[in-house]
């Protein structure tokens, strides 16, 4: 690698303001071949609910997740095609099979987004991820993923 450039200098903090961000780097090798890599991420002011401190949940219950957004975003709560539920390997976190639509109710009050994820009784003994892509203006370039184990 001859050069590698991104939006911040080496060792500096990446953009961490509330909302959705995309970090892109561009590299050039000794033969002047150019490549780019990009990754989206979301910064929340706070994440609350039992998902932050509970290792396992009973299958078939509703799991509340509170996201403090730090403002009053405008637009649809979810991007088109979201939220999704993903079966994952409990040991590795790797995806198993195809994503499916998730049963989630959302309400936004005073900059706090409450997600109520209704899980299925048949999920016992498995691990699942709730994958959320927010549709708020300027927030839809990255997914937030919450993974839990079901007893």
Foldseek 3Di string as FASTA:
>chain_A
DPDKDWPDDPPDDDDADAAKDKTKMWDADPVRDIDMDMAMDGHFPDKDFCLVPDAEAAAQAKGKIKTQRPADFDDFFADPPDWWKFWAAPVPRHTDDDIHHWDWDWDDDPRMIIIITGGHNVQAQTKMKTWTATPTVRHGPHIDIRMHHYD
